[in-house]
């Protein structure tokens, strides 16, 4: 999972932006962030197919 890799490389407090197209991730990414205490700063549908989530580790 791209988010797990980005988070493992990130420092605490770092902002991470991830674009994705997987519909299942719309539900699973927020749950993952909540379970691991990452703050979701924004979560938006893109004009084209996909979504973008911005979070703070």
PDB file of N, CA and C in Angstrom:
ATOM      1  N   UNK A   1       0.851  -1.187   0.000  1.00  0.00           N
ATOM      2  CA  UNK A   1       0.000   0.000   0.000  1.00  0.00           C
ATOM      3  C   UNK A   1       0.891   1.243   0.000  1.00  0.00           C
ATOM      4  N   UNK A   2       0.598   2.157  -0.893  1.00  0.00           N
ATOM      5  CA  UNK A   2       1.404   3.373  -1.031  1.00  0.00           C
ATOM      6  C   UNK A   2       1.397   4.225   0.234  1.00  0.00           C
ATOM      7  N   UNK A   3       0.254   4.296   0.920  1.00  0.00           N
ATOM      8  CA  UNK A   3       0.169   5.123   2.118  1.00  0.00           C
ATOM      9  C   UNK A   3       1.076   4.582   3.216  1.00  0.00           C
ATOM     10  N   UNK A   4       1.084   3.293   3.433  1.00  0.00           N
ATOM     11  CA  UNK A   4       1.947   2.707   4.469  1.00  0.00           C
ATOM     12  C   UNK A   4       3.413   3.008   4.181  1.00  0.00           C
ATOM     13  N   UNK A   5       3.813   2.913   2.921  1.00  0.00           N
ATOM     14  CA  UNK A   5       5.200   3.213   2.547  1.00  0.00           C
ATOM     15  C   UNK A   5       5.518   4.680   2.806  1.00  0.00           C
ATOM     16  N   UNK A   6       4.620   5.566   2.409  1.00  0.00           N
ATOM     17  CA  UNK A   6       4.840   7.000   2.626  1.00  0.00           C
ATOM     18  C   UNK A   6       4.928   7.315   4.112  1.00  0.00           C
ATOM     19  N   UNK A   7       4.073   6.694   4.916  1.00  0.00           N
ATOM     20  CA  UNK A   7       4.080   6.940   6.353  1.00  0.00           C
ATOM     21  C   UNK A   7       5.340   6.392   7.011  1.00  0.00           C
ATOM     22  N   UNK A   8       5.822   5.259   6.557  1.00  0.00           N
ATOM     23  CA  UNK A   8       7.029   4.688   7.159  1.00  0.00           C
ATOM     24  C   UNK A   8       8.252   5.561   6.883  1.00  0.00           C
ATOM     25  N   UNK A   9       8.255   6.272   5.770  1.00  0.00           N
ATOM     26  CA  UNK A   9       9.364   7.157   5.414  1.00  0.00           C
ATOM     27  C   UNK A   9       9.218   8.556   6.013  1.00  0.00           C
ATOM     28  N   UNK A  10       8.049   8.892   6.532  1.00  0.00           N
ATOM     29  CA  UNK A  10       7.751  10.252   6.994  1.00  0.00           C
ATOM     30  C   UNK A  10       8.122  10.448   8.465  1.00  0.00           C
ATOM     31  N   UNK A  11       8.398  11.701   8.797  1.00  0.00           N
ATOM     32  CA  UNK A  11       8.630  12.099  10.180  1.00  0.00           C
ATOM     33  C   UNK A  11       7.293  12.459  10.824  1.00  0.00           C
ATOM     34  N   UNK A  12       7.217  12.350  12.147  1.00  0.00           N
ATOM     35  CA  UNK A  12       6.010  12.759  12.864  1.00  0.00           C
ATOM     36  C   UNK A  12       5.751  14.237  12.574  1.00  0.00           C
ATOM     37  N   UNK A  13       4.507  14.559  12.238  1.00  0.00           N
ATOM     38  CA  UNK A  13       4.129  15.927  11.911  1.00  0.00           C
ATOM     39  C   UNK A  13       4.208  16.248  10.427  1.00  0.00           C
ATOM     40  N   UNK A  14       4.796  15.356   9.652  1.00  0.00           N
ATOM     41  CA  UNK A  14       4.927  15.583   8.208  1.00  0.00           C
ATOM     42  C   UNK A  14       3.569  15.449   7.520  1.00  0.00           C
ATOM     43  N   UNK A  15       3.341  16.266   6.498  1.00  0.00           N
ATOM     44  CA  UNK A  15       2.120  16.245   5.703  1.00  0.00           C
ATOM     45  C   UNK A  15       2.335  15.323   4.498  1.00  0.00           C
ATOM     46  N   UNK A  16       1.365  14.445   4.254  1.00  0.00           N
ATOM     47  CA  UNK A  16       1.435  13.489   3.150  1.00  0.00           C
ATOM     48  C   UNK A  16       0.185  13.656   2.298  1.00  0.00           C
ATOM     49  N   UNK A  17       0.371  13.707   0.986  1.00  0.00           N
ATOM     50  CA  UNK A  17      -0.744  13.774   0.040  1.00  0.00           C
ATOM     51  C   UNK A  17      -0.696  12.535  -0.843  1.00  0.00           C
ATOM     52  N   UNK A  18      -1.833  11.865  -0.966  1.00  0.00           N
ATOM     53  CA  UNK A  18      -1.900  10.642  -1.761  1.00  0.00           C
ATOM     54  C   UNK A  18      -3.117  10.693  -2.668  1.00  0.00           C
ATOM     55  N   UNK A  19      -2.887  10.530  -3.973  1.00  0.00           N
ATOM     56  CA  UNK A  19      -3.985  10.390  -4.936  1.00  0.00           C
ATOM     57  C   UNK A  19      -4.185   8.909  -5.197  1.00  0.00           C
ATOM     58  N   UNK A  20      -5.449   8.487  -5.299  1.00  0.00           N
ATOM     59  CA  UNK A  20      -5.737   7.076  -5.533  1.00  0.00           C
ATOM     60  C   UNK A  20      -7.038   6.931  -6.308  1.00  0.00           C
ATOM     61  N   UNK A  21      -7.230   5.755  -6.919  1.00  0.00           N
ATOM     62  CA  UNK A  21      -8.430   5.488  -7.714  1.00  0.00           C
ATOM     63  C   UNK A  21      -9.224   4.296  -7.199  1.00  0.00           C
ATOM     64  N   UNK A  22      -8.733   3.609  -6.187  1.00  0.00           N
ATOM     65  CA  UNK A  22      -9.390   2.408  -5.659  1.00  0.00           C
ATOM     66  C   UNK A  22     -10.625   2.790  -4.839  1.00  0.00           C
ATOM     67  N   UNK A  23     -11.835   2.402  -5.273  1.00  0.00           N
ATOM     68  CA  UNK A  23     -13.045   2.761  -4.535  1.00  0.00           C
ATOM     69  C   UNK A  23     -13.075   2.216  -3.109  1.00  0.00           C
ATOM     70  N   UNK A  24     -12.483   1.045  -2.869  1.00  0.00           N
ATOM     71  CA  UNK A  24     -12.471   0.480  -1.520  1.00  0.00           C
ATOM     72  C   UNK A  24     -11.673   1.348  -0.549  1.00  0.00           C
ATOM     73  N   UNK A  25     -10.665   2.035  -1.065  1.00  0.00           N
ATOM     74  CA  UNK A  25      -9.817   2.870  -0.222  1.00  0.00           C
ATOM     75  C   UNK A  25     -10.565   4.071   0.343  1.00  0.00           C
ATOM     76  N   UNK A  26     -11.664   4.455  -0.275  1.00  0.00           N
ATOM     77  CA  UNK A  26     -12.470   5.569   0.241  1.00  0.00           C
ATOM     78  C   UNK A  26     -12.920   5.262   1.673  1.00  0.00           C
ATOM     79  N   UNK A  27     -13.203   4.015   1.958  1.00  0.00           N
ATOM     80  CA  UNK A  27     -13.593   3.613   3.309  1.00  0.00           C
ATOM     81  C   UNK A  27     -12.433   3.163   4.168  1.00  0.00           C
ATOM     82  N   UNK A  28     -11.462   2.469   3.571  1.00  0.00           N
ATOM     83  CA  UNK A  28     -10.388   1.884   4.373  1.00  0.00           C
ATOM     84  C   UNK A  28      -9.309   2.884   4.790  1.00  0.00           C
ATOM     85  N   UNK A  29      -8.994   3.863   3.956  1.00  0.00           N
ATOM     86  CA  UNK A  29      -7.954   4.825   4.327  1.00  0.00           C
ATOM     87  C   UNK A  29      -8.321   5.648   5.562  1.00  0.00           C
ATOM     88  N   UNK A  30      -9.535   6.196   5.655  1.00  0.00           N
ATOM     89  CA  UNK A  30      -9.884   6.925   6.875  1.00  0.00           C
ATOM     90  C   UNK A  30      -9.833   6.041   8.126  1.00  0.00           C
ATOM     91  N   UNK A  31     -10.257   4.797   8.012  1.00  0.00           N
ATOM     92  CA  UNK A  31     -10.189   3.886   9.159  1.00  0.00           C
ATOM     93  C   UNK A  31      -8.739   3.622   9.560  1.00  0.00           C
ATOM     94  N   UNK A  32      -7.893   3.395   8.588  1.00  0.00           N
ATOM     95  CA  UNK A  32      -6.472   3.166   8.853  1.00  0.00           C
ATOM     96  C   UNK A  32      -5.864   4.375   9.569  1.00  0.00           C
ATOM     97  N   UNK A  33      -6.167   5.565   9.071  1.00  0.00           N
ATOM     98  CA  UNK A  33      -5.637   6.786   9.686  1.00  0.00           C
ATOM     99  C   UNK A  33      -6.124   6.936  11.121  1.00  0.00           C
ATOM    100  N   UNK A  34      -7.382   6.660  11.355  1.00  0.00           N
ATOM    101  CA  UNK A  34      -7.940   6.756  12.704  1.00  0.00           C
ATOM    102  C   UNK A  34      -7.266   5.751  13.637  1.00  0.00           C
ATOM    103  N   UNK A  35      -7.111   4.525  13.191  1.00  0.00           N
ATOM    104  CA  UNK A  35      -6.500   3.479  14.015  1.00  0.00           C
ATOM    105  C   UNK A  35      -5.039   3.773  14.346  1.00  0.00           C
ATOM    106  N   UNK A  36      -4.351   4.513  13.485  1.00  0.00           N
ATOM    107  CA  UNK A  36      -2.929   4.790  13.681  1.00  0.00           C
ATOM    108  C   UNK A  36      -2.656   6.245  14.071  1.00  0.00           C
ATOM    109  N   UNK A  37      -3.703   6.962  14.463  1.00  0.00           N
ATOM    110  CA  UNK A  37      -3.587   8.337  14.971  1.00  0.00           C
ATOM    111  C   UNK A  37      -2.955   9.314  13.978  1.00  0.00           C
ATOM    112  N   UNK A  38      -3.328   9.188  12.712  1.00  0.00           N
ATOM    113  CA  UNK A  38      -2.906  10.149  11.699  1.00  0.00           C
ATOM    114  C   UNK A  38      -4.089  11.083  11.436  1.00  0.00           C
ATOM    115  N   UNK A  39      -3.834  12.379  11.442  1.00  0.00           N
ATOM    116  CA  UNK A  39      -4.893  13.377  11.265  1.00  0.00           C
ATOM    117  C   UNK A  39      -5.181  13.607   9.782  1.00  0.00           C
ATOM    118  N   UNK A  40      -6.433  13.414   9.380  1.00  0.00           N
ATOM    119  CA  UNK A  40      -6.836  13.698   8.002  1.00  0.00           C
ATOM    120  C   UNK A  40      -7.110  15.193   7.892  1.00  0.00           C
ATOM    121  N   UNK A  41      -6.374  15.860   7.024  1.00  0.00           N
ATOM    122  CA  UNK A  41      -6.540  17.297   6.820  1.00  0.00           C
ATOM    123  C   UNK A  41      -7.563  17.593   5.736  1.00  0.00           C
ATOM    124  N   UNK A  42      -7.609  16.747   4.706  1.00  0.00           N
ATOM    125  CA  UNK A  42      -8.628  16.873   3.665  1.00  0.00           C
ATOM    126  C   UNK A  42      -8.770  15.538   2.952  1.00  0.00           C
ATOM    127  N   UNK A  43      -9.953  15.343   2.371  1.00  0.00           N
ATOM    128  CA  UNK A  43     -10.249  14.111   1.634  1.00  0.00           C
ATOM    129  C   UNK A  43     -11.251  14.511   0.564  1.00  0.00           C
ATOM    130  N   UNK A  44     -10.797  14.579  -0.694  1.00  0.00           N
ATOM    131  CA  UNK A  44     -11.625  15.144  -1.757  1.00  0.00           C
ATOM    132  C   UNK A  44     -11.696  14.237  -2.977  1.00  0.00           C
ATOM    133  N   UNK A  45     -12.832  14.300  -3.663  1.00  0.00           N
ATOM    134  CA  UNK A  45     -13.019  13.650  -4.958  1.00  0.00           C
ATOM    135  C   UNK A  45     -12.377  14.545  -6.002  1.00  0.00           C
ATOM    136  N   UNK A  46     -11.582  13.949  -6.878  1.00  0.00           N
ATOM    137  CA  UNK A  46     -10.953  14.708  -7.952  1.00  0.00           C
ATOM    138  C   UNK A  46     -11.926  14.871  -9.110  1.00  0.00           C
ATOM    139  N   UNK A  47     -11.704  15.884  -9.960  1.00  0.00           N
ATOM    140  CA  UNK A  47     -12.542  16.086 -11.143  1.00  0.00           C
ATOM    141  C   UNK A  47     -12.500  14.855 -12.039  1.00  0.00           C
ATOM    142  N   UNK A  48     -11.304  14.333 -12.210  1.00  0.00           N
ATOM    143  CA  UNK A  48     -11.185  13.092 -12.971  1.00  0.00           C
ATOM    144  C   UNK A  48     -11.466  11.929 -12.012  1.00  0.00           C
ATOM    145  N   UNK A  49     -11.383  10.735 -12.490  1.00  0.00           N
ATOM    146  CA  UNK A  49     -11.647   9.581 -11.641  1.00  0.00           C
ATOM    147  C   UNK A  49     -10.589   9.480 -10.541  1.00  0.00           C
ATOM    148  N   UNK A  50     -11.020   9.429  -9.309  1.00  0.00           N
ATOM    149  CA  UNK A  50     -10.092   9.266  -8.198  1.00  0.00           C
ATOM    150  C   UNK A  50     -10.369  10.216  -7.055  1.00  0.00           C
ATOM    151  N   UNK A  51      -9.536  10.116  -6.044  1.00  0.00           N
ATOM    152  CA  UNK A  51      -9.644  10.906  -4.827  1.00  0.00           C
ATOM    153  C   UNK A  51      -8.251  11.337  -4.406  1.00  0.00           C
ATOM    154  N   UNK A  52      -8.196  12.300  -3.503  1.00  0.00           N
ATOM    155  CA  UNK A  52      -6.930  12.715  -2.901  1.00  0.00           C
ATOM    156  C   UNK A  52      -7.165  12.871  -1.400  1.00  0.00           C
ATOM    157  N   UNK A  53      -6.242  12.335  -0.625  1.00  0.00           N
ATOM    158  CA  UNK A  53      -6.297  12.469   0.823  1.00  0.00           C
ATOM    159  C   UNK A  53      -5.012  13.160   1.265  1.00  0.00           C
ATOM    160  N   UNK A  54      -5.151  14.115   2.175  1.00  0.00           N
ATOM    161  CA  UNK A  54      -4.006  14.809   2.748  1.00  0.00           C
ATOM    162  C   UNK A  54      -4.075  14.568   4.248  1.00  0.00           C
ATOM    163  N   UNK A  55      -2.970  14.090   4.801  1.00  0.00           N
ATOM    164  CA  UNK A  55      -2.970  13.787   6.232  1.00  0.00           C
ATOM    165  C   UNK A  55      -1.655  14.172   6.869  1.00  0.00           C
ATOM    166  N   UNK A  56      -1.690  14.259   8.199  1.00  0.00           N
ATOM    167  CA  UNK A  56      -0.488  14.564   8.974  1.00  0.00           C
ATOM    168  C   UNK A  56      -0.165  13.355   9.818  1.00  0.00           C
ATOM    169  N   UNK A  57       1.088  12.920   9.725  1.00  0.00           N
ATOM    170  CA  UNK A  57       1.524  11.756  10.489  1.00  0.00           C
ATOM    171  C   UNK A  57       1.623  12.119  11.944  1.00  0.00           C
TER     172      UNK A  57
END
